[in-house]
Protein backbone atom coordinates (compact mmCIF):
# COMPACT_ATOMS: atom_id res chain seq x y z
CA UNK A 1 22.42 57.38 -31.00
CA UNK A 2 20.01 58.64 -28.37
CA UNK A 3 17.60 61.24 -29.58
CA UNK A 4 17.18 64.44 -27.58
CA UNK A 5 13.89 65.01 -25.73
CA UNK A 6 13.01 67.78 -28.19
CA UNK A 7 13.53 65.45 -31.15
CA UNK A 8 11.12 62.97 -29.59
CA UNK A 9 8.62 65.64 -28.54
CA UNK A 10 7.86 67.47 -31.77
CA UNK A 11 6.63 64.42 -33.77
CA UNK A 12 4.25 63.53 -30.93
CA UNK A 13 2.98 67.10 -30.65
CA UNK A 14 2.46 67.26 -34.41
CA UNK A 15 0.57 63.96 -34.35
CA UNK A 16 -1.68 65.17 -31.52
CA UNK A 17 -2.44 68.46 -33.30
CA UNK A 18 -3.28 66.66 -36.54
CA UNK A 19 -5.46 64.16 -34.69
CA UNK A 20 -7.41 66.95 -33.00
CA UNK A 21 -7.79 68.80 -36.29
CA UNK A 22 -9.22 65.74 -38.05
CA UNK A 23 -11.20 64.26 -35.16
CA UNK A 24 -12.86 67.42 -33.83
CA UNK A 25 -15.27 67.93 -36.77
CA UNK A 26 -16.40 64.31 -36.43
CA UNK A 27 -16.85 64.74 -32.68
CA UNK A 28 -18.81 67.97 -33.16
CA UNK A 29 -21.04 66.36 -35.79
CA UNK A 30 -21.99 63.41 -33.57
CA UNK A 31 -22.43 65.47 -30.40
CA UNK A 32 -24.60 68.03 -32.20
CA UNK A 33 -26.78 65.20 -33.48
CA UNK A 34 -27.48 64.15 -29.88
CA UNK A 35 -27.82 67.64 -28.35
CA UNK A 36 -31.22 69.11 -27.51
CA UNK A 37 -32.25 71.96 -29.77
CA UNK A 38 -31.63 74.49 -26.99
CA UNK A 39 -27.97 73.47 -26.85
CA UNK A 40 -27.61 73.50 -30.63
CA UNK A 41 -28.83 77.09 -31.01
CA UNK A 42 -27.15 78.35 -27.85
CA UNK A 43 -24.91 81.38 -28.29
CA UNK A 44 -22.30 79.76 -26.05
CA UNK A 45 -20.92 76.53 -27.51
CA UNK A 46 -21.82 73.42 -25.52
CA UNK A 47 -18.62 71.40 -25.74
CA UNK A 48 -19.72 68.51 -23.53
CA UNK A 49 -23.50 67.99 -23.62
CA UNK A 50 -25.01 66.88 -20.31
CA UNK A 51 -28.18 65.45 -21.87
CA UNK A 52 -28.91 63.57 -25.08
CA UNK A 53 -31.90 63.18 -27.36
CA UNK A 54 -32.72 60.93 -30.31
CA UNK A 55 -35.31 63.30 -31.77
CA UNK A 56 -32.93 64.54 -34.47
CA UNK A 57 -32.17 60.99 -35.59
CA UNK A 58 -35.86 60.17 -35.65
CA UNK A 59 -36.52 63.17 -37.87
CA UNK A 60 -33.74 62.10 -40.25
CA UNK A 61 -34.94 58.49 -40.36
CA UNK A 62 -38.49 59.63 -41.07
CA UNK A 63 -37.40 61.84 -43.97
CA UNK A 64 -39.02 61.07 -47.29
CA UNK A 65 -37.30 58.34 -49.35
CA UNK A 66 -34.55 57.84 -46.77
CA UNK A 67 -34.66 54.05 -46.71
CA UNK A 68 -35.08 53.89 -50.48
CA UNK A 69 -31.92 55.94 -50.91
CA UNK A 70 -30.07 53.79 -48.37
CA UNK A 71 -30.90 50.78 -50.53
CA UNK A 72 -29.81 52.63 -53.68
CA UNK A 73 -26.48 53.65 -52.17
CA UNK A 74 -25.73 50.16 -50.86
CA UNK A 75 -26.71 48.53 -54.16
CA UNK A 76 -24.62 50.86 -56.30
CA UNK A 77 -21.61 50.92 -53.98
CA UNK A 78 -21.39 47.20 -53.25
CA UNK A 79 -22.01 46.26 -56.88
CA UNK A 80 -19.34 48.67 -58.14
CA UNK A 81 -16.79 47.39 -55.60
CA UNK A 82 -17.55 43.74 -56.36
CA UNK A 83 -17.28 44.25 -60.14
CA UNK A 84 -14.03 46.18 -59.82
CA UNK A 85 -12.50 43.47 -57.62
CA UNK A 86 -13.40 40.67 -60.04
CA UNK A 87 -12.00 42.53 -63.05
CA UNK A 88 -8.96 43.78 -61.15
CA UNK A 89 -8.08 40.30 -59.88
CA UNK A 90 -7.91 38.92 -63.40
CA UNK A 91 -6.14 41.98 -64.82
CA UNK A 92 -3.61 42.26 -61.99
CA UNK A 93 -2.68 38.58 -62.29
CA UNK A 94 -2.15 38.96 -66.03
CA UNK A 95 -0.05 42.09 -65.60
CA UNK A 96 2.07 40.61 -62.83
CA UNK A 97 2.63 37.11 -64.18
CA UNK A 98 2.41 37.34 -67.97
CA UNK A 99 4.50 39.15 -70.55
CA UNK A 100 2.69 40.43 -73.62
CA UNK A 101 3.06 43.21 -76.15
CA UNK A 102 1.72 46.55 -74.96
CA UNK A 103 1.87 45.61 -71.28
CA UNK A 104 3.81 48.73 -70.27
CA UNK A 105 1.49 50.99 -72.24
CA UNK A 106 -1.45 49.28 -70.57
CA UNK A 107 -0.05 50.17 -67.15
CA UNK A 108 0.66 53.76 -68.17
CA UNK A 109 -2.91 54.10 -69.42
CA UNK A 110 -4.27 53.01 -66.06
CA UNK A 111 -1.98 55.44 -64.24
CA UNK A 112 -3.22 58.29 -66.43
CA UNK A 113 -6.82 57.21 -65.85
CA UNK A 114 -6.19 57.24 -62.10
CA UNK A 115 -5.03 60.87 -62.28
CA UNK A 116 -7.87 62.05 -64.55
CA UNK A 117 -10.41 64.40 -62.89
CA UNK A 118 -13.71 62.61 -63.39
CA UNK A 119 -15.72 65.79 -62.86
CA UNK A 120 -14.68 67.13 -66.29
CA UNK A 121 -16.19 64.02 -67.92
CA UNK A 122 -19.64 64.48 -66.40
CA UNK A 123 -21.10 66.13 -69.51
CA UNK A 124 -19.79 63.37 -71.79
CA UNK A 125 -21.11 60.72 -69.40
CA UNK A 126 -24.50 62.42 -69.30
CA UNK A 127 -24.75 62.40 -73.09
CA UNK A 128 -23.85 58.70 -73.23
CA UNK A 129 -26.44 57.78 -70.61
CA UNK A 130 -29.09 60.01 -72.16
CA UNK A 131 -28.57 58.53 -75.62
CA UNK A 132 -28.80 55.06 -74.10
CA UNK A 133 -32.12 56.01 -72.43
CA UNK A 134 -30.78 55.08 -68.98
CA UNK A 135 -31.30 58.29 -67.02
CA UNK A 136 -32.64 57.79 -63.49
CA UNK A 137 -31.25 54.26 -63.46
CA UNK A 138 -28.81 52.68 -61.01
CA UNK A 139 -27.01 50.68 -63.70
CA UNK A 140 -25.03 53.62 -65.20
CA UNK A 141 -23.99 54.74 -61.71
CA UNK A 142 -22.77 51.24 -60.88
CA UNK A 143 -20.76 50.96 -64.10
CA UNK A 144 -19.17 54.39 -63.87
CA UNK A 145 -18.36 54.01 -60.18
CA UNK A 146 -16.70 50.72 -61.04
CA UNK A 147 -14.65 52.46 -63.74
CA UNK A 148 -13.66 55.19 -61.28
CA UNK A 149 -12.13 52.79 -58.75
CA UNK A 150 -10.81 50.22 -61.23
CA UNK A 151 -7.40 51.83 -62.04
CA UNK A 152 -6.37 52.10 -58.39
CA UNK A 153 -7.63 48.57 -57.70
CA UNK A 154 -5.68 47.06 -60.60
CA UNK A 155 -2.44 48.90 -59.84
CA UNK A 156 -2.58 48.00 -56.14
CA UNK A 157 -3.44 44.34 -56.66
CA UNK A 158 -0.84 43.99 -59.43
CA UNK A 159 1.91 45.08 -57.03
CA UNK A 160 0.58 42.70 -54.43
CA UNK A 161 0.45 39.73 -56.83
CA UNK A 162 4.00 40.52 -57.93
CA UNK A 163 5.13 40.32 -54.30
CA UNK A 164 3.95 36.70 -54.03
CA UNK A 165 6.76 34.28 -55.03
CA UNK A 166 6.13 32.48 -58.29
CA UNK A 167 7.48 29.30 -56.71
CA UNK A 168 4.30 28.91 -54.64
CA UNK A 169 2.18 28.87 -57.76
CA UNK A 170 4.60 26.60 -59.60
CA UNK A 171 4.66 24.14 -56.69
CA UNK A 172 0.88 23.93 -56.74
CA UNK A 173 0.93 23.26 -60.48
CA UNK A 174 3.57 20.54 -60.02
CA UNK A 175 1.25 18.94 -57.45
CA UNK A 176 -1.47 18.71 -60.08
CA UNK A 177 -3.29 22.05 -59.95
CA UNK A 178 -4.16 23.89 -63.11
CA UNK A 179 -3.23 27.57 -63.31
CA UNK A 180 -6.74 28.73 -62.33
CA UNK A 181 -6.77 26.27 -59.42
CA UNK A 182 -3.33 27.46 -58.29
CA UNK A 183 -4.57 31.04 -58.39
CA UNK A 184 -7.70 30.26 -56.35
CA UNK A 185 -6.03 27.99 -53.79
CA UNK A 186 -2.63 29.64 -53.38
CA UNK A 187 -2.54 33.24 -54.57
CA UNK A 188 -6.07 34.39 -53.77
CA UNK A 189 -5.85 33.69 -49.98
CA UNK A 190 -2.59 35.68 -49.82
CA UNK A 191 -4.26 38.70 -51.41
CA UNK A 192 -6.64 39.32 -48.50
CA UNK A 193 -4.88 42.51 -47.21
CA UNK A 194 -4.70 43.94 -50.72
CA UNK A 195 -8.35 43.10 -51.39
CA UNK A 196 -9.40 44.79 -48.16
CA UNK A 197 -7.37 47.91 -48.93
CA UNK A 198 -8.83 48.29 -52.41
CA UNK A 199 -12.33 47.42 -51.19
CA UNK A 200 -12.14 50.16 -48.56
CA UNK A 201 -10.93 52.70 -51.11
CA UNK A 202 -13.60 51.68 -53.61
CA UNK A 203 -16.37 51.77 -51.02
CA UNK A 204 -15.44 55.26 -49.80
CA UNK A 205 -15.13 56.59 -53.35
CA UNK A 206 -18.46 55.21 -54.55
CA UNK A 207 -20.33 55.95 -51.30
CA UNK A 208 -19.29 59.62 -51.31
CA UNK A 209 -19.63 60.31 -55.05
CA UNK A 210 -21.84 63.33 -55.71
CA UNK A 211 -21.51 65.06 -59.14
CA UNK A 212 -22.48 62.04 -61.26
CA UNK A 213 -25.69 61.19 -59.45
CA UNK A 214 -26.60 64.89 -59.41
CA UNK A 215 -26.50 64.97 -63.21
CA UNK A 216 -27.84 61.53 -64.10
CA UNK A 217 -30.57 60.87 -61.56
CA UNK A 218 -33.14 63.62 -61.18
CA UNK A 219 -35.86 61.30 -59.89
CA UNK A 220 -35.84 61.57 -56.05
CA UNK A 221 -36.34 57.81 -55.70
CA UNK A 222 -33.39 57.03 -57.99
CA UNK A 223 -30.83 59.14 -56.12
CA UNK A 224 -28.28 58.19 -53.47
CA UNK A 225 -27.49 59.39 -49.96
CA UNK A 226 -24.89 62.10 -50.83
CA UNK A 227 -27.49 63.98 -52.86
CA UNK A 228 -30.11 63.45 -50.15
CA UNK A 229 -27.71 64.83 -47.55
CA UNK A 230 -27.01 67.96 -49.61
CA UNK A 231 -30.73 68.69 -49.88
CA UNK A 232 -31.51 67.80 -46.26
CA UNK A 233 -30.79 71.27 -44.89
CA UNK A 234 -32.97 72.83 -47.57
CA UNK A 235 -35.87 70.58 -46.61
CA UNK A 236 -35.52 71.15 -42.85
CA UNK A 237 -34.35 74.76 -42.83
CA UNK A 238 -31.97 75.67 -40.02
CA UNK A 239 -32.57 72.49 -38.02
CA UNK A 240 -28.87 71.83 -37.45
CA UNK A 241 -29.52 68.98 -35.06
CA UNK A 242 -31.41 67.02 -37.71
CA UNK A 243 -28.82 67.96 -40.32
CA UNK A 244 -25.98 66.65 -38.15
CA UNK A 245 -27.99 63.51 -37.42
CA UNK A 246 -28.39 62.93 -41.15
CA UNK A 247 -24.66 63.49 -41.67
CA UNK A 248 -23.90 61.05 -38.86
CA UNK A 249 -26.11 58.38 -40.39
CA UNK A 250 -24.33 58.90 -43.70
CA UNK A 251 -20.88 58.58 -42.11
CA UNK A 252 -21.56 55.57 -39.86
CA UNK A 253 -21.16 52.85 -42.56
CA UNK A 254 -17.76 54.23 -43.61
CA UNK A 255 -16.56 54.53 -40.02
CA UNK A 256 -17.63 50.97 -39.22
CA UNK A 257 -16.00 49.60 -42.37
CA UNK A 258 -12.79 51.53 -41.71
CA UNK A 259 -12.55 50.38 -38.09
CA UNK A 260 -13.14 46.80 -39.19
CA UNK A 261 -10.62 46.81 -42.03
CA UNK A 262 -8.07 49.43 -40.98
CA UNK A 263 -5.18 47.14 -39.96
CA UNK A 264 -5.32 44.83 -42.94
CA UNK A 265 -6.14 47.72 -45.28
CA UNK A 266 -3.07 49.70 -44.22
CA UNK A 267 -0.93 46.58 -44.48
CA UNK A 268 -2.25 45.93 -47.96
CA UNK A 269 -1.53 49.47 -49.13
CA UNK A 270 2.03 49.50 -47.77
CA UNK A 271 2.86 46.04 -49.14
CA UNK A 272 1.49 46.94 -52.54
CA UNK A 273 3.36 50.24 -52.53
CA UNK A 274 6.86 48.92 -51.86
CA UNK A 275 6.85 45.57 -53.65
CA UNK A 276 6.56 44.56 -57.28
């Protein structure tokens, strides 16, 4: 049946409106970062700046401890994602291929953990870290960030492993591979979309996390970029150009990673959602 013009029009209009609603704040952030101060404080909004400056970015880059905090954020985020992927690969394979007592309860536990609001656990986490004498350390942040993204990673990869035919693994074992070798040579390469999807989710979650580092790391040199960004306006007053430049620098790694992984990440999420 042919759809009426109105039936074809309203989904496109809705998509355009949603795109504008989500994209405009990003556009305004980046353009404000490049605008001269006169345009930033102008009473009339400057929608399309005619000149650009890098002074705001220079001020953000020269901020105290900036590069130290960039290193902290990258270390914590990449370590948490890598640890969660290693653990999730082993756990998802076991859950998808093996049958053992308590397997269903194990899955339910991970689903509940995925829905738990981590903010309510901050006090308990603080007491654990304090008693372990690990305040102002990157290790607790790495471990807890890994725990935060682990349930989603396991559930997604489990569905993806379940979608891979067992016959491929069995054929490899008939040809002389052990089970670990069959996993590495046959199953692991087919998990690339799922790994990219979970990596993207884990990176965004750990990169943007704020409450935990606010409580655990009071030392300015042991903090991460989200906390630095929240205090940037306080340090520079009403310098909105520098503030938007700092926000742009914080968002660039996520935007680059998303643009690089978006196709395979979306494919991994949809395959893991409908199979298994």
